[in-house]
Amino acid sequence: MDNNYFLNISISIFAGILTYVLIGMFKQVLEKILIPRYQAKIYKGLDISGIWIENHNYKRTFASRIRNKNKTKCTQNKWNYNFS
């Protein structure tokens, strides 16, 4: 009875691990292969998937220099508190 008991436990553990691996593999195949193929076949609109890159090439104009010069920046404490 001892030998049969440990064999049953071992087979159960192995079956559980194997099931876990198979379900994980099925999930990966579903997410990476089947769903994208289905979406590509069914969707008829504009495809905007992929990597988007944003590029800013702004030129500094005379008007922007005047605007930036007129902005006030508080670089000093106005009241000069001294708490020491």
PDB file of N, CA and C in Angstrom:
ATOM      1  N   MET A   1       0.812  -1.187   0.000  1.00  0.00           N
ATOM      2  CA  MET A   1       0.000   0.000   0.000  1.00  0.00           C
ATOM      3  C   MET A   1       0.860   1.258   0.000  1.00  0.00           C
ATOM      4  N   ASP A   2       1.993   1.239   0.671  1.00  0.00           N
ATOM      5  CA  ASP A   2       2.871   2.402   0.707  1.00  0.00           C
ATOM      6  C   ASP A   2       3.382   2.765  -0.678  1.00  0.00           C
ATOM      7  N   ASN A   3       3.771   1.764  -1.438  1.00  0.00           N
ATOM      8  CA  ASN A   3       4.309   1.997  -2.767  1.00  0.00           C
ATOM      9  C   ASN A   3       3.248   2.589  -3.689  1.00  0.00           C
ATOM     10  N   ASN A   4       2.042   2.108  -3.629  1.00  0.00           N
ATOM     11  CA  ASN A   4       0.947   2.602  -4.443  1.00  0.00           C
ATOM     12  C   ASN A   4       0.570   4.036  -4.059  1.00  0.00           C
ATOM     13  N   TYR A   5       0.625   4.341  -2.787  1.00  0.00           N
ATOM     14  CA  TYR A   5       0.273   5.665  -2.268  1.00  0.00           C
ATOM     15  C   TYR A   5       1.237   6.719  -2.825  1.00  0.00           C
ATOM     16  N   PHE A   6       2.540   6.455  -2.739  1.00  0.00           N
ATOM     17  CA  PHE A   6       3.529   7.415  -3.235  1.00  0.00           C
ATOM     18  C   PHE A   6       3.492   7.526  -4.763  1.00  0.00           C
ATOM     19  N   LEU A   7       3.191   6.442  -5.437  1.00  0.00           N
ATOM     20  CA  LEU A   7       3.061   6.477  -6.895  1.00  0.00           C
ATOM     21  C   LEU A   7       1.884   7.360  -7.306  1.00  0.00           C
ATOM     22  N   ASN A   8       0.771   7.242  -6.610  1.00  0.00           N
ATOM     23  CA  ASN A   8      -0.397   8.067  -6.916  1.00  0.00           C
ATOM     24  C   ASN A   8      -0.114   9.549  -6.671  1.00  0.00           C
ATOM     25  N   ILE A   9       0.579   9.855  -5.564  1.00  0.00           N
ATOM     26  CA  ILE A   9       0.925  11.250  -5.273  1.00  0.00           C
ATOM     27  C   ILE A   9       1.887  11.794  -6.339  1.00  0.00           C
ATOM     28  N   SER A  10       2.870  11.008  -6.716  1.00  0.00           N
ATOM     29  CA  SER A  10       3.840  11.440  -7.724  1.00  0.00           C
ATOM     30  C   SER A  10       3.172  11.690  -9.070  1.00  0.00           C
ATOM     31  N   ILE A  11       2.303  10.787  -9.477  1.00  0.00           N
ATOM     32  CA  ILE A  11       1.597  10.957 -10.748  1.00  0.00           C
ATOM     33  C   ILE A  11       0.696  12.187 -10.703  1.00  0.00           C
ATOM     34  N   SER A  12       0.052  12.429  -9.581  1.00  0.00           N
ATOM     35  CA  SER A  12      -0.815  13.604  -9.434  1.00  0.00           C
ATOM     36  C   SER A  12      -0.020  14.898  -9.529  1.00  0.00           C
ATOM     37  N   ILE A  13       1.125  14.953  -8.871  1.00  0.00           N
ATOM     38  CA  ILE A  13       1.970  16.148  -8.921  1.00  0.00           C
ATOM     39  C   ILE A  13       2.479  16.369 -10.343  1.00  0.00           C
ATOM     40  N   PHE A  14       2.950  15.317 -10.984  1.00  0.00           N
ATOM     41  CA  PHE A  14       3.434  15.426 -12.356  1.00  0.00           C
ATOM     42  C   PHE A  14       2.322  15.882 -13.302  1.00  0.00           C
ATOM     43  N   ALA A  15       1.126  15.342 -13.135  1.00  0.00           N
ATOM     44  CA  ALA A  15      -0.003  15.725 -13.984  1.00  0.00           C
ATOM     45  C   ALA A  15      -0.373  17.192 -13.775  1.00  0.00           C
ATOM     46  N   GLY A  16      -0.295  17.657 -12.532  1.00  0.00           N
ATOM     47  CA  GLY A  16      -0.592  19.062 -12.254  1.00  0.00           C
ATOM     48  C   GLY A  16       0.425  19.994 -12.889  1.00  0.00           C
ATOM     49  N   ILE A  17       1.705  19.649 -12.790  1.00  0.00           N
ATOM     50  CA  ILE A  17       2.754  20.469 -13.406  1.00  0.00           C
ATOM     51  C   ILE A  17       2.618  20.456 -14.922  1.00  0.00           C
ATOM     52  N   LEU A  18       2.365  19.297 -15.493  1.00  0.00           N
ATOM     53  CA  LEU A  18       2.193  19.186 -16.938  1.00  0.00           C
ATOM     54  C   LEU A  18       0.992  20.005 -17.414  1.00  0.00           C
ATOM     55  N   THR A  19      -0.090  19.970 -16.671  1.00  0.00           N
ATOM     56  CA  THR A  19      -1.275  20.755 -17.014  1.00  0.00           C
ATOM     57  C   THR A  19      -0.970  22.246 -16.961  1.00  0.00           C
ATOM     58  N   TYR A  20      -0.241  22.659 -15.941  1.00  0.00           N
ATOM     59  CA  TYR A  20       0.146  24.067 -15.794  1.00  0.00           C
ATOM     60  C   TYR A  20       0.973  24.526 -16.996  1.00  0.00           C
ATOM     61  N   VAL A  21       1.933  23.706 -17.417  1.00  0.00           N
ATOM     62  CA  VAL A  21       2.792  24.049 -18.553  1.00  0.00           C
ATOM     63  C   VAL A  21       1.979  24.097 -19.839  1.00  0.00           C
ATOM     64  N   LEU A  22       1.119  23.143 -20.058  1.00  0.00           N
ATOM     65  CA  LEU A  22       0.311  23.109 -21.279  1.00  0.00           C
ATOM     66  C   LEU A  22      -0.655  24.294 -21.362  1.00  0.00           C
ATOM     67  N   ILE A  23      -1.267  24.641 -20.258  1.00  0.00           N
ATOM     68  CA  ILE A  23      -2.170  25.798 -20.251  1.00  0.00           C
ATOM     69  C   ILE A  23      -1.382  27.079 -20.518  1.00  0.00           C
ATOM     70  N   GLY A  24      -0.196  27.214 -19.941  1.00  0.00           N
ATOM     71  CA  GLY A  24       0.646  28.381 -20.200  1.00  0.00           C
ATOM     72  C   GLY A  24       1.054  28.488 -21.660  1.00  0.00           C
ATOM     73  N   MET A  25       1.416  27.353 -22.256  1.00  0.00           N
ATOM     74  CA  MET A  25       1.786  27.356 -23.673  1.00  0.00           C
ATOM     75  C   MET A  25       0.584  27.714 -24.548  1.00  0.00           C
ATOM     76  N   PHE A  26      -0.580  27.191 -24.235  1.00  0.00           N
ATOM     77  CA  PHE A  26      -1.783  27.512 -24.990  1.00  0.00           C
ATOM     78  C   PHE A  26      -2.114  29.003 -24.883  1.00  0.00           C
ATOM     79  N   LYS A  27      -1.939  29.562 -23.699  1.00  0.00           N
ATOM     80  CA  LYS A  27      -2.196  30.985 -23.497  1.00  0.00           C
ATOM     81  C   LYS A  27      -1.255  31.826 -24.357  1.00  0.00           C
ATOM     82  N   GLN A  28       0.025  31.459 -24.388  1.00  0.00           N
ATOM     83  CA  GLN A  28       0.991  32.201 -25.204  1.00  0.00           C
ATOM     84  C   GLN A  28       0.645  32.111 -26.690  1.00  0.00           C
ATOM     85  N   VAL A  29       0.294  30.923 -27.163  1.00  0.00           N
ATOM     86  CA  VAL A  29      -0.078  30.753 -28.569  1.00  0.00           C
ATOM     87  C   VAL A  29      -1.323  31.575 -28.879  1.00  0.00           C
ATOM     88  N   LEU A  30      -2.278  31.574 -27.991  1.00  0.00           N
ATOM     89  CA  LEU A  30      -3.508  32.330 -28.185  1.00  0.00           C
ATOM     90  C   LEU A  30      -3.222  33.825 -28.259  1.00  0.00           C
ATOM     91  N   GLU A  31      -2.419  34.357 -27.320  1.00  0.00           N
ATOM     92  CA  GLU A  31      -2.147  35.792 -27.275  1.00  0.00           C
ATOM     93  C   GLU A  31      -1.212  36.260 -28.386  1.00  0.00           C
ATOM     94  N   LYS A  32      -0.220  35.479 -28.739  1.00  0.00           N
ATOM     95  CA  LYS A  32       0.805  35.928 -29.682  1.00  0.00           C
ATOM     96  C   LYS A  32       0.497  35.572 -31.133  1.00  0.00           C
ATOM     97  N   ILE A  33      -0.282  34.527 -31.387  1.00  0.00           N
ATOM     98  CA  ILE A  33      -0.482  34.076 -32.763  1.00  0.00           C
ATOM     99  C   ILE A  33      -1.952  34.154 -33.180  1.00  0.00           C
ATOM    100  N   LEU A  34      -2.829  33.492 -32.451  1.00  0.00           N
ATOM    101  CA  LEU A  34      -4.212  33.343 -32.907  1.00  0.00           C
ATOM    102  C   LEU A  34      -5.002  34.656 -32.870  1.00  0.00           C
ATOM    103  N   ILE A  35      -4.942  35.387 -31.773  1.00  0.00           N
ATOM    104  CA  ILE A  35      -5.716  36.632 -31.667  1.00  0.00           C
ATOM    105  C   ILE A  35      -5.232  37.682 -32.675  1.00  0.00           C
ATOM    106  N   PRO A  36      -3.905  37.924 -32.829  1.00  0.00           N
ATOM    107  CA  PRO A  36      -3.497  38.897 -33.860  1.00  0.00           C
ATOM    108  C   PRO A  36      -3.913  38.497 -35.280  1.00  0.00           C
ATOM    109  N   ARG A  37      -3.851  37.212 -35.612  1.00  0.00           N
ATOM    110  CA  ARG A  37      -4.297  36.777 -36.942  1.00  0.00           C
ATOM    111  C   ARG A  37      -5.794  36.995 -37.124  1.00  0.00           C
ATOM    112  N   TYR A  38      -6.566  36.713 -36.085  1.00  0.00           N
ATOM    113  CA  TYR A  38      -8.009  36.921 -36.145  1.00  0.00           C
ATOM    114  C   TYR A  38      -8.326  38.404 -36.312  1.00  0.00           C
ATOM    115  N   GLN A  39      -7.650  39.251 -35.533  1.00  0.00           N
ATOM    116  CA  GLN A  39      -7.897  40.686 -35.636  1.00  0.00           C
ATOM    117  C   GLN A  39      -7.503  41.227 -37.005  1.00  0.00           C
ATOM    118  N   ALA A  40      -6.392  40.744 -37.567  1.00  0.00           N
ATOM    119  CA  ALA A  40      -5.965  41.199 -38.891  1.00  0.00           C
ATOM    120  C   ALA A  40      -6.958  40.779 -39.961  1.00  0.00           C
ATOM    121  N   LYS A  41      -7.574  39.632 -39.802  1.00  0.00           N
ATOM    122  CA  LYS A  41      -8.519  39.142 -40.800  1.00  0.00           C
ATOM    123  C   LYS A  41      -9.867  39.850 -40.694  1.00  0.00           C
ATOM    124  N   ILE A  42     -10.325  40.121 -39.485  1.00  0.00           N
ATOM    125  CA  ILE A  42     -11.659  40.676 -39.273  1.00  0.00           C
ATOM    126  C   ILE A  42     -11.683  42.200 -39.409  1.00  0.00           C
ATOM    127  N   TYR A  43     -10.692  42.893 -38.880  1.00  0.00           N
ATOM    128  CA  TYR A  43     -10.706  44.352 -38.841  1.00  0.00           C
ATOM    129  C   TYR A  43     -10.444  44.930 -40.219  1.00  0.00           C
ATOM    130  N   LYS A  44     -11.319  45.822 -40.680  1.00  0.00           N
ATOM    131  CA  LYS A  44     -11.206  46.390 -42.026  1.00  0.00           C
ATOM    132  C   LYS A  44     -10.826  47.873 -42.005  1.00  0.00           C
ATOM    133  N   GLY A  45     -10.623  48.463 -40.848  1.00  0.00           N
ATOM    134  CA  GLY A  45     -10.345  49.894 -40.762  1.00  0.00           C
ATOM    135  C   GLY A  45      -8.859  50.203 -40.854  1.00  0.00           C
ATOM    136  N   LEU A  46      -8.517  51.399 -40.455  1.00  0.00           N
ATOM    137  CA  LEU A  46      -7.148  51.893 -40.478  1.00  0.00           C
ATOM    138  C   LEU A  46      -6.326  51.203 -39.399  1.00  0.00           C
ATOM    139  N   ASP A  47      -5.151  50.717 -39.764  1.00  0.00           N
ATOM    140  CA  ASP A  47      -4.279  50.019 -38.814  1.00  0.00           C
ATOM    141  C   ASP A  47      -3.262  51.003 -38.260  1.00  0.00           C
ATOM    142  N   ILE A  48      -3.385  51.331 -36.972  1.00  0.00           N
ATOM    143  CA  ILE A  48      -2.448  52.262 -36.343  1.00  0.00           C
ATOM    144  C   ILE A  48      -1.603  51.560 -35.285  1.00  0.00           C
ATOM    145  N   SER A  49      -1.530  50.255 -35.350  1.00  0.00           N
ATOM    146  CA  SER A  49      -0.742  49.515 -34.364  1.00  0.00           C
ATOM    147  C   SER A  49       0.739  49.671 -34.664  1.00  0.00           C
ATOM    148  N   GLY A  50       1.553  49.450 -33.653  1.00  0.00           N
ATOM    149  CA  GLY A  50       2.997  49.538 -33.821  1.00  0.00           C
ATOM    150  C   GLY A  50       3.588  50.581 -32.898  1.00  0.00           C
ATOM    151  N   ILE A  51       4.814  50.968 -33.187  1.00  0.00           N
ATOM    152  CA  ILE A  51       5.532  51.940 -32.359  1.00  0.00           C
ATOM    153  C   ILE A  51       5.365  53.318 -32.980  1.00  0.00           C
ATOM    154  N   TRP A  52       5.006  54.282 -32.158  1.00  0.00           N
ATOM    155  CA  TRP A  52       4.854  55.658 -32.604  1.00  0.00           C
ATOM    156  C   TRP A  52       6.031  56.458 -32.078  1.00  0.00           C
ATOM    157  N   ILE A  53       6.606  57.300 -32.926  1.00  0.00           N
ATOM    158  CA  ILE A  53       7.741  58.138 -32.534  1.00  0.00           C
ATOM    159  C   ILE A  53       7.317  59.594 -32.676  1.00  0.00           C
ATOM    160  N   GLU A  54       7.630  60.370 -31.666  1.00  0.00           N
ATOM    161  CA  GLU A  54       7.280  61.774 -31.658  1.00  0.00           C
ATOM    162  C   GLU A  54       8.544  62.585 -31.860  1.00  0.00           C
ATOM    163  N   ASN A  55       8.538  63.514 -32.806  1.00  0.00           N
ATOM    164  CA  ASN A  55       9.719  64.291 -33.123  1.00  0.00           C
ATOM    165  C   ASN A  55       9.361  65.769 -33.069  1.00  0.00           C
ATOM    166  N   HIS A  56      10.086  66.543 -32.276  1.00  0.00           N
ATOM    167  CA  HIS A  56       9.850  67.982 -32.148  1.00  0.00           C
ATOM    168  C   HIS A  56      11.040  68.729 -32.731  1.00  0.00           C
ATOM    169  N   ASN A  57      10.816  69.438 -33.800  1.00  0.00           N
ATOM    170  CA  ASN A  57      11.846  70.286 -34.390  1.00  0.00           C
ATOM    171  C   ASN A  57      11.334  71.717 -34.417  1.00  0.00           C
ATOM    172  N   TYR A  58      11.269  72.333 -33.255  1.00  0.00           N
ATOM    173  CA  TYR A  58      10.782  73.699 -33.168  1.00  0.00           C
ATOM    174  C   TYR A  58      11.948  74.656 -33.335  1.00  0.00           C
ATOM    175  N   LYS A  59      11.732  75.669 -34.134  1.00  0.00           N
ATOM    176  CA  LYS A  59      12.741  76.710 -34.287  1.00  0.00           C
ATOM    177  C   LYS A  59      12.421  77.826 -33.316  1.00  0.00           C
ATOM    178  N   ARG A  60      13.443  78.379 -32.747  1.00  0.00           N
ATOM    179  CA  ARG A  60      13.258  79.470 -31.807  1.00  0.00           C
ATOM    180  C   ARG A  60      13.114  80.757 -32.599  1.00  0.00           C
ATOM    181  N   THR A  61      12.002  81.420 -32.437  1.00  0.00           N
ATOM    182  CA  THR A  61      11.736  82.645 -33.182  1.00  0.00           C
ATOM    183  C   THR A  61      11.955  83.848 -32.284  1.00  0.00           C
ATOM    184  N   PHE A  62      11.950  85.013 -32.905  1.00  0.00           N
ATOM    185  CA  PHE A  62      12.125  86.252 -32.155  1.00  0.00           C
ATOM    186  C   PHE A  62      10.992  86.456 -31.160  1.00  0.00           C
ATOM    187  N   ALA A  63       9.758  86.124 -31.571  1.00  0.00           N
ATOM    188  CA  ALA A  63       8.601  86.284 -30.684  1.00  0.00           C
ATOM    189  C   ALA A  63       8.709  85.373 -29.464  1.00  0.00           C
ATOM    190  N   SER A  64       9.214  84.155 -29.624  1.00  0.00           N
ATOM    191  CA  SER A  64       9.341  83.262 -28.468  1.00  0.00           C
ATOM    192  C   SER A  64      10.431  83.747 -27.524  1.00  0.00           C
ATOM    193  N   ARG A  65      11.489  84.382 -28.053  1.00  0.00           N
ATOM    194  CA  ARG A  65      12.522  84.936 -27.176  1.00  0.00           C
ATOM    195  C   ARG A  65      11.978  86.093 -26.351  1.00  0.00           C
ATOM    196  N   ILE A  66      11.125  86.919 -26.951  1.00  0.00           N
ATOM    197  CA  ILE A  66      10.531  88.037 -26.207  1.00  0.00           C
ATOM    198  C   ILE A  66       9.602  87.501 -25.129  1.00  0.00           C
ATOM    199  N   ARG A  67       8.781  86.509 -25.465  1.00  0.00           N
ATOM    200  CA  ARG A  67       7.878  85.916 -24.480  1.00  0.00           C
ATOM    201  C   ARG A  67       8.650  85.316 -23.313  1.00  0.00           C
ATOM    202  N   ASN A  68       9.736  84.612 -23.598  1.00  0.00           N
ATOM    203  CA  ASN A  68      10.512  83.994 -22.531  1.00  0.00           C
ATOM    204  C   ASN A  68      11.235  85.036 -21.686  1.00  0.00           C
ATOM    205  N   LYS A  69      11.631  86.149 -22.277  1.00  0.00           N
ATOM    206  CA  LYS A  69      12.329  87.180 -21.527  1.00  0.00           C
ATOM    207  C   LYS A  69      11.375  87.890 -20.569  1.00  0.00           C
ATOM    208  N   ASN A  70      10.094  88.020 -20.948  1.00  0.00           N
ATOM    209  CA  ASN A  70       9.121  88.721 -20.123  1.00  0.00           C
ATOM    210  C   ASN A  70       8.593  87.868 -18.978  1.00  0.00           C
ATOM    211  N   LYS A  71       8.829  86.581 -18.994  1.00  0.00           N
ATOM    212  CA  LYS A  71       8.379  85.728 -17.897  1.00  0.00           C
ATOM    213  C   LYS A  71       9.250  85.984 -16.681  1.00  0.00           C
ATOM    214  N   THR A  72       8.620  86.211 -15.562  1.00  0.00           N
ATOM    215  CA  THR A  72       9.383  86.497 -14.349  1.00  0.00           C
ATOM    216  C   THR A  72       9.685  85.214 -13.614  1.00  0.00           C
ATOM    217  N   LYS A  73      10.872  85.114 -13.127  1.00  0.00           N
ATOM    218  CA  LYS A  73      11.284  83.963 -12.337  1.00  0.00           C
ATOM    219  C   LYS A  73      11.681  84.453 -10.959  1.00  0.00           C
ATOM    220  N   CYS A  74      11.184  83.783  -9.954  1.00  0.00           N
ATOM    221  CA  CYS A  74      11.523  84.143  -8.580  1.00  0.00           C
ATOM    222  C   CYS A  74      12.781  83.367  -8.188  1.00  0.00           C
ATOM    223  N   THR A  75      13.913  84.024  -8.283  1.00  0.00           N
ATOM    224  CA  THR A  75      15.169  83.353  -7.962  1.00  0.00           C
ATOM    225  C   THR A  75      15.667  83.712  -6.574  1.00  0.00           C
ATOM    226  N   GLN A  76      15.085  84.724  -5.976  1.00  0.00           N
ATOM    227  CA  GLN A  76      15.531  85.156  -4.660  1.00  0.00           C
ATOM    228  C   GLN A  76      14.331  85.240  -3.729  1.00  0.00           C
ATOM    229  N   ASN A  77      14.578  85.018  -2.451  1.00  0.00           N
ATOM    230  CA  ASN A  77      13.516  85.170  -1.475  1.00  0.00           C
ATOM    231  C   ASN A  77      13.195  86.659  -1.349  1.00  0.00           C
ATOM    232  N   LYS A  78      11.940  87.017  -1.581  1.00  0.00           N
ATOM    233  CA  LYS A  78      11.549  88.418  -1.616  1.00  0.00           C
ATOM    234  C   LYS A  78      11.729  89.093  -0.266  1.00  0.00           C
ATOM    235  N   TRP A  79      11.462  88.367   0.794  1.00  0.00           N
ATOM    236  CA  TRP A  79      11.452  88.997   2.116  1.00  0.00           C
ATOM    237  C   TRP A  79      12.730  88.763   2.891  1.00  0.00           C
ATOM    238  N   ASN A  80      13.608  87.924   2.445  1.00  0.00           N
ATOM    239  CA  ASN A  80      14.906  87.643   3.091  1.00  0.00           C
ATOM    240  C   ASN A  80      14.761  87.301   4.569  1.00  0.00           C
ATOM    241  N   TYR A  81      13.966  86.298   4.850  1.00  0.00           N
ATOM    242  CA  TYR A  81      13.815  85.842   6.245  1.00  0.00           C
ATOM    243  C   TYR A  81      15.104  85.177   6.722  1.00  0.00           C
ATOM    244  N   ASN A  82      15.452  85.443   7.951  1.00  0.00           N
ATOM    245  CA  ASN A  82      16.609  84.814   8.548  1.00  0.00           C
ATOM    246  C   ASN A  82      16.170  84.245   9.902  1.00  0.00           C
ATOM    247  N   PHE A  83      16.078  82.923  10.005  1.00  0.00           N
ATOM    248  CA  PHE A  83      15.577  82.305  11.229  1.00  0.00           C
ATOM    249  C   PHE A  83      16.693  81.755  12.103  1.00  0.00           C
ATOM    250  N   SER A  84      17.914  82.125  11.871  1.00  0.00           N
ATOM    251  CA  SER A  84      18.987  81.570  12.697  1.00  0.00           C
ATOM    252  C   SER A  84      19.237  82.389  13.930  1.00  0.00           C
TER     253      SER A  84
END
